[in-house]
Amino acid sequence: MSFKVRTEPGNHLFDVAPGETVLAAALRQGIGLPYGCRNGQCGACAAALVTGELSYPSGRTEGLEGRPPGTCLPCQAAPLSDLTLRVTEVHAITQIEARLLPCRLERKEPLNHDVMRLYLKLPENQRLQFFAGQYLDFILPDGRRRAFSIANAPHDDALIELHVRHVPGGVFTDHVFHDLAEKSILRIQAPLGTFILREDSGRPLIFIGGGTGFAPIKGMIEHAMYRGVGLPMHLYWGVRARRDLYLPELPERWTRDWPGFRYTPVLSQPDPDWSGRTGLVHEAVVADYQDLSGYDIYLSGPPAMVEAGRIACEARGATRDHMFSDAFTYAKDGKRSADAHPG
C-alpha cells in the first residue's frame, strides 16, 4: 500500500508508492529534497524522522554513521506508515552547490556526422543533483574549461548525458571525437547555469533549439513529462539539413505519446526531398504564433539564433520575464561558453 509523507517546515505532502523510496517519490512529484549519492553512503539526504516508521530494504545506511538518533536516509527509506520528516528542501539553484568531481567516460556513441553523445559516471558514492537545463564544465589539465549542457532529466541521473558537436579545429572536440577513450577519467564542475525549467509557471511552453541546443531542451521536456506537467509544449528545432537532426525519433515519439506536445523541425539548407518547414527557426515560430504574450519561451543554441529569436518573439508580445535562453559561443580553439541568461 502507499503512504503519505509530510515535510517540515515546507509543509509539502506527497505519496510514496509500494516499492518506491521516499526520495524517489519526492522527486517524481516535484518536491526538492536534497541528495548526493542516492545509494545510502554520503548522507546528504539526511532528514529527521518526526513521526512514523520506515525500513531500509537495500540495507545501505552508511550515511547514518555519526548522525543523531532519529535521523533517516530518504534515498533508501521505504515507509511502513505515514511519515513526517524535518528536512531543508531545495527550492532554488543557489541551494545546490557546484562541486568539483571526478567522473569516468562510461561510453560514447556518434549520433550523426558531427555530434557525439557522452555518458559520464560519477564515483559509486556520488550522484549529481541538478535542475533540468543546467550545464557542467570539464576542467582540463591546464585549467581551461569546456562547458556542455546536461541532456538528461534530473530523475534519470545514473549517468550524465552530453551532446558534443565537433567544432572544426577545436582542440577539445577533436580530442573527444578521435582520442578520448571510454573509461577515461575526467574532472567536472557541476551543476552550473540558470537556464532551468520554470515548471510552476502554469503557462504553455515553446522550446526553440538550434543544433545541439536541443540537449538542455531534451532534459527539460523529459523532466516535464516525468512530472506529469499537463501544459501544451511545442518544440521547434532548427538545423541545416536533415542529417543534422540527431535522435529524430525522440521528439516524434513524444508527439505520439504525450497529449499536447507538438514538434516542428526546421531546415535552413533543406534536402531536395524535404517537405517540412524551411528557413530560420524563429521565423517558423512567429509564423505559427501571432500572440506570444501568454507563453514561456526557452531558446537554446548559437547566439545569433537566440538573439534573433528573442527579438522576433518580443515583436509577437513575449516579455523578457518569460523568455529564457542559453547561448552557445565558441572560441577559436572550440571552447564553448555556456553562460545561461535568465531572461
Protein backbone atom coordinates (compact mmCIF):
# COMPACT_ATOMS: atom_id res chain seq x y z
CA MET A 1 0.00 0.00 0.00
CA SER A 2 1.06 3.59 -0.50
CA PHE A 3 1.84 6.00 2.33
CA LYS A 4 1.92 9.77 2.68
CA VAL A 5 4.93 11.83 3.69
CA ARG A 6 4.72 15.36 5.05
CA THR A 7 7.75 17.66 5.23
CA GLU A 8 8.55 20.27 7.84
CA PRO A 9 8.87 23.22 7.67
CA GLY A 10 7.98 23.12 3.95
CA ASN A 11 4.59 21.51 4.69
CA HIS A 12 4.59 19.52 1.46
CA LEU A 13 2.55 16.31 1.30
CA PHE A 14 3.31 13.56 -1.22
CA ASP A 15 2.56 9.88 -1.80
CA VAL A 16 5.10 7.07 -1.79
CA ALA A 17 4.10 4.10 -3.94
CA PRO A 18 4.87 0.47 -3.00
CA GLY A 19 8.49 -0.35 -3.77
CA GLU A 20 9.46 3.33 -4.02
CA THR A 21 11.89 5.20 -1.79
CA VAL A 22 10.90 8.43 -0.10
CA LEU A 23 13.41 10.41 -2.18
CA ALA A 24 12.32 8.90 -5.50
CA ALA A 25 8.68 9.69 -4.70
CA ALA A 26 9.51 13.25 -3.69
CA LEU A 27 11.49 13.97 -6.87
CA ARG A 28 8.77 12.39 -9.00
CA GLN A 29 6.25 14.82 -7.54
CA GLY A 30 8.45 17.90 -7.69
CA ILE A 31 9.40 18.06 -4.00
CA GLY A 32 13.01 19.25 -3.80
CA LEU A 33 14.56 17.02 -1.17
CA PRO A 34 18.36 17.24 -1.09
CA TYR A 35 20.53 14.27 -2.09
CA GLY A 36 24.02 13.30 -3.10
CA CYS A 37 24.83 9.67 -3.88
CA ARG A 38 21.31 8.13 -3.82
CA ASN A 39 22.82 4.88 -2.52
CA GLY A 40 22.89 5.46 1.25
CA GLN A 41 26.57 6.31 1.60
CA CYS A 42 27.05 10.07 1.64
CA GLY A 43 24.27 11.19 4.00
CA ALA A 44 23.49 14.34 2.01
CA CYS A 45 19.79 13.44 2.01
CA ALA A 46 19.61 13.01 5.80
CA ALA A 47 16.37 14.15 7.44
CA ALA A 48 14.87 13.95 10.92
CA LEU A 49 12.10 11.39 11.28
CA VAL A 50 9.46 13.23 13.33
CA THR A 51 6.68 10.65 13.17
CA GLY A 52 6.13 7.26 11.54
CA GLU A 53 8.05 4.08 10.81
CA LEU A 54 10.27 3.10 7.89
CA SER A 55 12.67 0.43 6.75
CA TYR A 56 15.74 0.15 4.56
CA PRO A 57 15.15 -2.73 2.10
CA SER A 58 18.56 -2.22 0.48
CA GLY A 59 20.40 -2.36 3.81
CA ARG A 60 22.52 0.63 2.72
CA THR A 61 22.69 3.04 5.67
CA GLU A 62 26.35 4.07 5.86
CA GLY A 63 25.26 7.71 5.67
CA LEU A 64 23.71 7.47 9.13
CA GLU A 65 27.06 6.96 10.85
CA GLY A 66 27.74 9.72 13.37
CA ARG A 67 24.34 11.32 12.94
CA PRO A 68 21.87 12.00 15.78
CA PRO A 69 19.23 9.40 16.74
CA GLY A 70 16.07 9.79 14.72
CA THR A 71 17.93 10.65 11.52
CA CYS A 72 16.82 8.83 8.37
CA LEU A 73 18.02 8.49 4.79
CA PRO A 74 15.17 9.26 2.36
CA CYS A 75 17.19 7.93 -0.57
CA GLN A 76 16.97 4.40 0.89
CA ALA A 77 13.95 4.63 3.20
CA ALA A 78 10.69 2.81 2.44
CA PRO A 79 7.73 3.89 4.61
CA LEU A 80 5.94 1.39 6.83
CA SER A 81 3.39 4.07 7.77
CA ASP A 82 2.66 7.70 7.02
CA LEU A 83 5.71 9.82 7.83
CA THR A 84 6.62 13.34 8.89
CA LEU A 85 10.16 14.47 8.03
CA ARG A 86 12.04 17.57 9.11
CA VAL A 87 14.28 18.49 6.19
CA THR A 88 15.63 21.55 4.38
CA GLU A 89 14.14 21.43 0.89
CA VAL A 90 15.88 22.65 -2.25
CA HIS A 91 13.87 25.39 -3.94
CA ALA A 92 16.45 27.30 -5.98
CA ILE A 93 19.63 26.70 -7.94
CA THR A 94 21.55 28.71 -5.35
CA GLN A 95 20.85 25.95 -2.84
CA ILE A 96 22.73 23.34 -4.91
CA GLU A 97 26.45 23.89 -4.63
CA ALA A 98 28.52 23.36 -7.77
CA ARG A 99 31.04 20.63 -6.95
CA LEU A 100 34.35 19.55 -8.44
CA LEU A 101 34.02 15.84 -9.17
CA PRO A 102 35.92 13.09 -10.93
CA CYS A 103 33.96 11.09 -13.48
CA ARG A 104 34.51 8.26 -15.90
CA LEU A 105 33.54 8.25 -19.56
CA GLU A 106 31.22 5.26 -19.38
CA ARG A 107 30.60 5.21 -23.12
CA LYS A 108 30.40 7.41 -26.18
CA GLU A 109 28.37 6.97 -29.33
CA PRO A 110 28.04 9.01 -32.53
CA LEU A 111 24.57 10.44 -33.05
CA ASN A 112 25.25 11.75 -36.55
CA HIS A 113 28.16 13.02 -38.63
CA ASP A 114 29.24 15.70 -36.12
CA VAL A 115 27.52 15.04 -32.78
CA MET A 116 28.83 12.59 -30.18
CA ARG A 117 26.82 11.50 -27.16
CA LEU A 118 28.87 11.05 -23.98
CA TYR A 119 27.70 9.24 -20.87
CA LEU A 120 29.61 10.15 -17.71
CA LYS A 121 29.55 8.13 -14.49
CA LEU A 122 30.37 9.62 -11.11
CA PRO A 123 32.03 7.60 -8.32
CA GLU A 124 29.78 4.99 -6.72
CA ASN A 125 29.08 7.16 -3.69
CA GLN A 126 28.07 10.23 -5.70
CA ARG A 127 25.10 11.44 -7.73
CA LEU A 128 24.64 14.87 -9.27
CA GLN A 129 21.65 16.86 -8.10
CA PHE A 130 20.71 19.47 -10.71
CA PHE A 131 17.83 21.29 -12.36
CA ALA A 132 16.69 20.43 -15.88
CA GLY A 133 18.58 22.65 -18.33
CA GLN A 134 21.79 23.22 -16.36
CA TYR A 135 25.29 22.52 -17.67
CA LEU A 136 28.70 21.33 -16.50
CA ASP A 137 32.30 22.35 -17.07
CA PHE A 138 35.07 19.95 -17.96
CA ILE A 139 38.22 21.01 -16.12
CA LEU A 140 41.17 20.37 -18.44
CA PRO A 141 44.69 19.56 -17.17
CA ASP A 142 45.88 23.12 -17.91
CA GLY A 143 42.95 24.63 -16.01
CA ARG A 144 40.91 25.65 -19.04
CA ARG A 145 37.23 24.79 -19.09
CA ARG A 146 34.81 23.42 -21.64
CA ALA A 147 31.08 23.69 -20.95
CA PHE A 148 28.32 21.37 -22.17
CA SER A 149 24.63 21.21 -21.35
CA ILE A 150 23.29 18.24 -19.41
CA ALA A 151 20.91 16.42 -21.73
CA ASN A 152 19.22 14.05 -19.28
CA ALA A 153 16.47 14.88 -16.82
CA PRO A 154 17.25 15.11 -13.07
CA HIS A 155 15.36 11.94 -12.19
CA ASP A 156 17.41 9.90 -14.69
CA ASP A 157 20.75 10.53 -13.01
CA ALA A 158 22.59 7.20 -13.02
CA LEU A 159 24.69 8.65 -15.85
CA ILE A 160 25.20 12.22 -17.09
CA GLU A 161 24.37 12.62 -20.78
CA LEU A 162 26.06 15.22 -23.00
CA HIS A 163 25.74 16.02 -26.73
CA VAL A 164 29.08 17.26 -28.10
CA ARG A 165 29.23 18.84 -31.54
CA HIS A 166 32.55 18.59 -33.37
CA VAL A 167 33.95 22.07 -33.96
CA PRO A 168 36.45 22.00 -36.87
CA GLY A 169 39.89 22.78 -35.45
CA GLY A 170 38.57 22.63 -31.90
CA VAL A 171 41.26 21.11 -29.69
CA PHE A 172 38.85 19.68 -27.15
CA THR A 173 36.22 18.36 -29.54
CA ASP A 174 38.93 16.86 -31.76
CA HIS A 175 40.12 15.02 -28.67
CA VAL A 176 36.60 13.86 -27.82
CA PHE A 177 35.91 12.54 -31.32
CA HIS A 178 39.27 10.98 -32.12
CA ASP A 179 41.31 10.25 -28.99
CA LEU A 180 39.19 10.16 -25.85
CA ALA A 181 38.74 6.52 -24.88
CA GLU A 182 35.88 5.01 -22.94
CA LYS A 183 36.72 4.53 -19.24
CA SER A 184 38.91 7.66 -19.29
CA ILE A 185 38.84 9.67 -16.06
CA LEU A 186 37.80 13.32 -16.37
CA ARG A 187 37.16 16.20 -13.95
CA ILE A 188 33.99 18.27 -13.99
CA GLN A 189 32.36 21.07 -12.07
CA ALA A 190 28.58 20.87 -11.85
CA PRO A 191 25.83 21.86 -11.84
CA LEU A 192 26.11 25.33 -13.37
CA GLY A 193 23.80 27.83 -15.06
CA THR A 194 20.40 29.43 -14.60
CA PHE A 195 18.76 28.13 -17.79
CA ILE A 196 16.26 25.94 -15.99
CA LEU A 197 12.66 24.89 -16.46
CA ARG A 198 10.18 27.11 -14.59
CA GLU A 199 7.82 24.22 -14.07
CA ASP A 200 5.33 26.01 -11.82
CA SER A 201 4.53 28.96 -14.09
CA GLY A 202 1.33 27.40 -15.46
CA ARG A 203 1.94 28.85 -18.95
CA PRO A 204 2.20 26.81 -22.17
CA LEU A 205 5.78 26.18 -23.27
CA ILE A 206 7.60 26.88 -26.53
CA PHE A 207 11.11 25.46 -26.94
CA ILE A 208 13.34 26.85 -29.70
CA GLY A 209 16.56 24.91 -30.23
CA GLY A 210 19.37 25.31 -32.71
CA GLY A 211 21.74 22.37 -33.35
CA THR A 212 22.94 20.88 -30.06
CA GLY A 213 20.81 23.48 -28.30
CA PHE A 214 18.46 20.53 -28.33
CA ALA A 215 20.43 18.99 -25.44
CA PRO A 216 19.19 21.07 -22.47
CA ILE A 217 15.73 21.27 -24.03
CA LYS A 218 15.63 17.45 -24.15
CA GLY A 219 16.30 17.38 -20.41
CA MET A 220 13.57 19.96 -19.75
CA ILE A 221 10.96 18.14 -21.84
CA GLU A 222 11.74 14.76 -20.29
CA HIS A 223 11.54 16.32 -16.83
CA ALA A 224 8.19 17.98 -17.61
CA MET A 225 6.81 14.67 -18.87
CA TYR A 226 8.13 12.78 -15.86
CA ARG A 227 6.48 15.32 -13.59
CA GLY A 228 3.21 14.99 -15.50
CA VAL A 229 3.10 18.67 -16.39
CA GLY A 230 -0.16 18.93 -18.31
CA LEU A 231 0.69 22.08 -20.26
CA PRO A 232 0.92 22.33 -24.05
CA MET A 233 4.53 22.11 -25.28
CA HIS A 234 5.81 22.94 -28.75
CA LEU A 235 9.38 22.15 -29.79
CA TYR A 236 10.95 23.92 -32.75
CA TRP A 237 14.34 22.51 -33.74
CA GLY A 238 16.36 24.37 -36.33
CA VAL A 239 19.29 22.76 -38.17
CA ARG A 240 20.89 22.99 -41.59
CA ALA A 241 19.88 19.68 -43.22
CA ARG A 242 18.03 16.51 -42.30
CA ARG A 243 21.23 14.73 -41.26
CA ASP A 244 21.72 17.32 -38.51
CA LEU A 245 18.52 16.19 -36.77
CA TYR A 246 20.17 13.67 -34.49
CA LEU A 247 17.86 11.49 -32.36
CA PRO A 248 14.96 12.35 -34.72
CA GLU A 249 12.83 9.52 -33.38
CA LEU A 250 12.77 11.03 -29.89
CA PRO A 251 10.60 14.12 -30.49
CA GLU A 252 8.47 12.07 -32.88
CA ARG A 253 7.81 9.61 -30.04
CA TRP A 254 6.98 12.47 -27.68
CA THR A 255 4.43 13.66 -30.23
CA ARG A 256 2.78 10.23 -30.35
CA ASP A 257 2.86 9.55 -26.63
CA TRP A 258 2.25 12.89 -24.97
CA PRO A 259 -1.04 14.78 -25.47
CA GLY A 260 -0.45 18.44 -26.14
CA PHE A 261 3.12 18.01 -27.42
CA ARG A 262 3.98 19.32 -30.91
CA TYR A 263 7.23 19.10 -32.85
CA THR A 264 8.35 21.24 -35.77
CA PRO A 265 11.78 20.63 -37.32
CA VAL A 266 13.02 23.49 -39.50
CA LEU A 267 15.82 23.20 -42.09
CA SER A 268 17.77 26.26 -43.24
CA GLN A 269 19.51 24.33 -46.08
CA PRO A 270 16.84 21.74 -46.86
CA ASP A 271 17.43 18.47 -48.66
CA PRO A 272 15.83 18.28 -52.12
CA ASP A 273 13.20 15.83 -50.89
CA TRP A 274 12.39 17.72 -47.68
CA SER A 275 8.70 18.55 -47.44
CA GLY A 276 8.70 20.15 -43.99
CA ARG A 277 9.36 23.67 -42.75
CA THR A 278 12.30 25.63 -44.12
CA GLY A 279 14.12 28.85 -43.30
CA LEU A 280 15.20 30.14 -39.90
CA VAL A 281 13.72 28.50 -36.87
CA HIS A 282 12.48 31.71 -35.21
CA GLU A 283 10.65 32.65 -38.39
CA ALA A 284 8.65 29.44 -38.16
CA VAL A 285 7.68 30.27 -34.58
CA VAL A 286 6.35 33.74 -35.32
CA ALA A 287 4.58 32.45 -38.43
CA ASP A 288 2.65 30.00 -36.25
CA TYR A 289 2.01 32.25 -33.24
CA GLN A 290 0.66 35.75 -33.73
CA ASP A 291 0.43 36.41 -29.99
CA LEU A 292 3.12 35.03 -27.66
CA SER A 293 2.20 37.09 -24.61
CA GLY A 294 0.84 34.07 -22.74
CA TYR A 295 3.80 31.70 -23.28
CA ASP A 296 7.04 30.74 -21.57
CA ILE A 297 9.72 30.57 -24.26
CA TYR A 298 13.04 28.72 -23.97
CA LEU A 299 15.77 29.43 -26.55
CA SER A 300 18.98 27.40 -26.77
CA GLY A 301 21.66 27.40 -29.44
CA PRO A 302 24.02 29.78 -31.26
CA PRO A 303 23.96 33.40 -30.05
CA ALA A 304 22.69 34.77 -33.37
CA MET A 305 19.75 32.36 -33.30
CA VAL A 306 18.97 33.14 -29.67
CA GLU A 307 19.07 36.91 -30.19
CA ALA A 308 17.05 36.78 -33.40
CA GLY A 309 14.52 34.57 -31.68
CA ARG A 310 14.28 36.88 -28.71
CA ILE A 311 13.65 39.93 -30.92
CA ALA A 312 11.09 38.11 -33.05
CA CYS A 313 9.21 36.77 -30.05
CA GLU A 314 9.14 40.18 -28.38
CA ALA A 315 7.55 41.56 -31.54
CA ARG A 316 4.76 39.00 -31.01
CA GLY A 317 4.15 40.11 -27.42
CA ALA A 318 6.54 37.88 -25.46
CA THR A 319 8.14 39.56 -22.46
CA ARG A 320 11.69 39.22 -21.16
CA ASP A 321 10.33 37.89 -17.88
CA HIS A 322 9.02 34.85 -19.74
CA MET A 323 11.90 34.22 -22.15
CA PHE A 324 14.86 32.15 -21.00
CA SER A 325 17.97 31.39 -23.00
CA ASP A 326 21.27 29.52 -23.19
CA ALA A 327 23.56 30.84 -25.92
CA PHE A 328 26.45 28.62 -27.08
CA THR A 329 29.56 30.50 -28.19
CA TYR A 330 32.88 29.11 -29.37
CA ALA A 331 36.41 30.47 -29.09
CA LYS A 332 38.98 29.84 -31.79
CA ASP A 333 40.03 26.58 -30.18
CA GLY A 334 36.48 25.33 -29.88
CA LYS A 335 35.74 26.42 -26.32
CA ARG A 336 32.06 26.70 -25.62
CA SER A 337 30.93 29.37 -23.19
CA ALA A 338 27.61 28.10 -21.90
CA ASP A 339 26.50 31.13 -19.92
CA ALA A 340 22.80 30.97 -19.25
CA HIS A 341 20.84 34.19 -19.29
CA PRO A 342 17.62 34.03 -17.23
CA GLY A 343 15.55 36.31 -19.42
